[in-house]
Amino acid sequence: MIKGSCGTGVAIFKFTPHSICLYINPKHQGTMRVVTKTEQEEASAYAMKGFAVGGLKWGIVGLCVSGLLHVYVPWYRATRIPNKFYIVMAFALGGGAHSSDRYLVQYERRGRKEQLERTRRERWETLYAKPSQENKIPIGGTESAMSLYVSPRFSSHLADLCIMSDPLLCYLDHHGLSLDHCPSDPTKFRAVHARRHFSRGSTVITSQPLAAIPLPQTKSDYCNRCFKPDRLQRCSKCKVDLFCGKECFTEAWKEWHRYTCRIPTKTNSKPVPDDNDNDDLGLSNTIYGDGKLDEEMLVRVALALAVQRKVLAPPQKGPAAQQTDPSVETPVVTLSAFSTLMSHADLHPPSTIARYKTLARGAILNPVFNAIPDCDLSMLDLTTYLCRFRCNNFAVHDAQLFAIGEGTYPVGSLFNHSCRPNAVVAYKGATQVLRCIEDVEPGEEVVIGYVDPANGRAARRQKLREKYFFTCVCERCCEGEAGGVAFLDEMLGEAQTELERAQEMMNGTPSATQKWIEAEIRRWKQEQNKYDALTPQQILASSNPLTLPAFASLVLNTLVPAIYQTSITDSTPTPKTTYNDLLTALLAHLHARPAPKHVSRNPTMLRTLVTATRLFYDRIAEDAWDEAGRLGMYVLAVYLLMYPRYHPMVGLHTLTLAKCLWNGVVKGPTETDGARARECERWVGVAKWVVAVGFGEGSQVARELEELAGVQRDGM
């Protein structure tokens, strides 16, 4: 039996005929890793290498010390040469022994890390792998014993046992979710399914950031740790980072600020261009004009891994391990989820990989990175992390859905994409909250949107392929299917390209689409009573191409009553299945209706929506509230087709529309105040339902809505 120092304790090697049992640290009694004979030979060679390197290094030091003593110490010059040789050998042997011990400790740490990865992989294969000879577990301990294939379908007890032993699966299970492998779907590696019913507006789960960084243009407006905008104070040492209070500063100091304070961040001298535009509501692209943000994210993640290194060790046994609360996302859960994220390193273009290697090299040269204790991350590790950031990072947004930062949220990254999502991400400070915007039944997959659904099918697929390396086949993206929301993209078409927009701006004259929209709004205003009296049945009975007012009236009168209840005594809003039937029938009718002769006069086109949205905000700036209100109704009609009915974008636009209508009541002609006030009251009611589901009761948008409702009640 051999003992050796192991940094935090003693490493005990117990030799057996075919293996070595390696015990690490007497504090962790019972923690043992069995090393094979091959690994024993590798460890011996590794230790001998360390001994040679350390012996050579410290032997040279001993020679230098002996030479200095020979020059400056008279009695040392009289010492016999063998004695001087023994002194030099003492330096060499001592340094070699110390270096050999360090090399052996590093070898064992690497072995323990590989064992953790192997154990996690075995759990996944036990739970989710396909039936095969390797997945059959022998019962009885011999090869001739009866074998049994273990899967969740046939062995729920073993599945529960594996969930209890995996912190990530236990955390998801506590929140009524399961993480399942998807071998039959090539576009999905895994999926998160509901194990219980989630009602719309409820919180599915929260995700803590492994690292979250404000954007350069918003860094002075928000706390650099929790993203709160109030009571900001600069760090008294570095005068750079802002914090909202002593508690935030203390936590940031423990996590990363003690290493970055007073150390300038090293950035690349050449800007690193981005390949894609930033998404408004989806995941962040992690590159904003140069490599500074990526390099800072790399350093933050490396710091998080170094600070939480202790939690990467095998879990302890006994009462301490049983006290873990499954409802809390511990660092073990966060790091476990991060280690399972896909990087798609083999699918990135060579130019992107070369740029990431440049960023990784710059991060390694960063003095902050060099100050990280016990950091053994290689350039390959950092390059892999950059690939993960590109495929998994989120854009942190404020209450108005404007991006203010980016963050790595490993648990949130487990959820797959759909262009018709049933959940959305929101943020309370730096904490990510996933909310259901439709009822989710047990066994149904919980999905979010990586890209804005307001884009056309080709634009969405291009972004998903370039950034996330898959082709979406959700219900909206399935081409050629009869019925459903697949009709939507055929009607919307594609938005204007950047070149077309630039040419239109250079011309300086209104486009044909803008002229047609302005004419339609004027006709809507002149014939208000006619369009207000139109019913969906009358519009559906006509075979003529739809005008803009008729289109808005048809969509709003069909879908809005299925969104909210007008009073407390009414029934709850229409169930999801009934609403989907209404939407499907409406889309089928719009798809079958004859299109206008001129593309610029089609109210269902994305080009028309983009122009109308720009005119909507122009009229608000000009205080033209009547025209702004009608433009806002048309935009809302298109939004209800593109977005799910309780999507935050629908809630924000409905709130803006209600504000426009109320300003029209206050500043408009008095003879129409009654009708305007009733219309405003209706849209405030719609906004309440959508905001309550998409944002939550206590959100900033909900408070703005309550303030508007109070002003409306006082004014009436």
Foldseek 3Di string as FASTA:
>chain_A
DDWDDQPQAIWDWDDDPFWTWTDDHPVQPPDIDIGGPVVVVVLVVQLQVQLVVQLVVQLVVLVVVLVVCCVPPPVSVVDDPVVSVVSSNVSSRVRSSVSSSVSSNVSVVVVQLVVLVVVVVVLQCLEANDDDPVQWDFDPPDPPGDTDRHYCVVCVPVNVVSLVQALQSLLLVVLQWGWYADPPDPQDRIFIFGQAKDAFQDFRAKFFFLAWAWDPVCQVQAQGQQRHRPCWDADPQQRRGIHNDDVRVVVCCLQACVLVRPFDWFFDPDADDFDDDAFLFAFGQQHDGHCRSLLVQLLSNLSSCLSCVVLSGRDGDDPVNVPDDSNDCDSSNQVVLVVPFDLPVVPADPVVLVVQLVSLVSSCVRSSSVPRPPRPDDSVNSSSVNSRNLQAKHFAAALLSGGGIIGHGSVVSSHAADLAFQWGWHGDRNMIIIGGNAMHHGPGTHHYHNHHLLFALVVSQVCCCNRNNGGDDHQCNPPPDPFFNVLQNVLADGADDPVVVVVCVVVVDDDPLLVLLVVLLVVCVVPVVVLVPDDLVNLLVDQDADALSNLLSNLCNQQLQQQADPDPPDDGHHHPVVNRVSLRVVSVSNSPRDADPDPSGGLSYSHSLVSLVVVLVVCVVVLVLSSNLSSLSSNLSNCVSRYPLLASVNLVSLLVSLVSLVSCLVPPDVVCNVVSLVVSSSSLRSSQRSCCSHPNCPGPSNVVSVVVVVVSVVVD
